[in-house]
Amino acid sequence: SREVARAQSWDALDSAHPLRGDMGDAVLGARELQAPVPLAAGRACSNPLVAQIAPGSALRLEDGIERLRRFNAGRPAPTAESVERAEEEEFDKLQAAEREEAERRCPSLRSIPRFYERRAKDVEEANSLRPRVLRAASLQLLHRKSMEELLDEEDLRAISALLKEESSRRRDTDSTSGVEVIDYEGFAKIGEELAKKGERFRQFFTPSTFLKFPRDKHGRIAIGLFYTFVVRKVNIRQTRWHVSQYDALGCGYLREKDMENFIFELIPTLPRLNYLQEEFYPFYVFTAVRRFFFFLDPKRTGRIRIRDLLSSQIIIELYELRQEDPLDAFEAESNWFSMQSALKVYGDYLELDADQNGMLS
């Protein structure tokens, strides 16, 4: 409905500014080709300027530009606000029409709201526009929220520097343990100063966040604990943003092929898998994905909720491979996702495949 409303709103704006409509698109395209602009016979056009031209005729580029200049003389171009308002109005009209049609089919909806909506059947992604539109919309939403909420390395360094500066200025140090601490007044001051750089900082400097940490007899909290908390929250949100990009249906879960895409594209970013041969990638992906589904999909539904994925220890085990230093023998053996562990599993399968047909009986 949003896409239809957007198309209808643009059509409504054609008469106010023809460059936004059929004629403008044709002229701009012809400008690149330096060719006459053909007008399709029988094609309905809402633009009054284009409607004056006989169907099937061709308009020279210079004549078209001159007509547009005369028609647009004294007409202001539509602003972003007017475009968005027109889109919202068209969307409201579509919703009202759908509601009236539903009430006509079922009059009881006028007094009793609908409590259940039947879930739409999964469609074939390769042959349907709907999942691709949903994916594009979800990616745009994720990108916008990441820009608004996620902190980068520079932001974390700014928080660390301000915490240490405020603590040293007040000489806030626990004399018994030597731990740098800060009281709520300094905590709130840092929050207000960082909020000037962006609202994304404010979420970490709330009273409820301060009260989550143990306080000494003077009501102060340890700087190190708070900073570790911020880093972990940022890492979790970055991981959620990264994983959510593979939620092709936008339903909050990953299917098996979504997980395979996630793992496959993650491999080159893990330093501890630098020496993994590319020919081995498919088997490594299958090995890694099966571990996730074995523990996080006990009912064998073929999907894993992103919430369960982020709260599990399995994703933490996988992200241990982001470290630069190599794993020692014990860590490599105990980490299922290490290159050594994957090669060991692969070797065990080869030994069990006695007839070398690629299958186990």
Foldseek 3Di string as FASTA:
>chain_A
DLVVLLVVLLLVCCQLAVCSFDLVVQLVVCVVVQDWRAAAPPDDHSHPLVVVDHHGDTHHSVRSVVSNCVSCVPRDHDDPVSSVVSSVVSVVVVVVVVVVVVCVVPVCCVPDPDDDDDDDDDDDPVPDCVLVVVLVVVLVVLVVVCVAAADDPVRLVLLVVLLVVLQVVVVQADPVPRFGKDALVSLVVSLVVVCVVHVNSNVLRDPVNLVVADADPVRIGGPVVSSVVVVVVNVLSVVLSLLCSLVSNNPQKHFLVSQLVSQLVCQVQQQLNVVPDPVCSVLLSVQLSVVCCVPQVVVPPRIHGSVSVSPDCLVVLVCVSNDNDYDDPVNQCVRCNGPVNSVVVVVVVVVQPVVPPPDHD
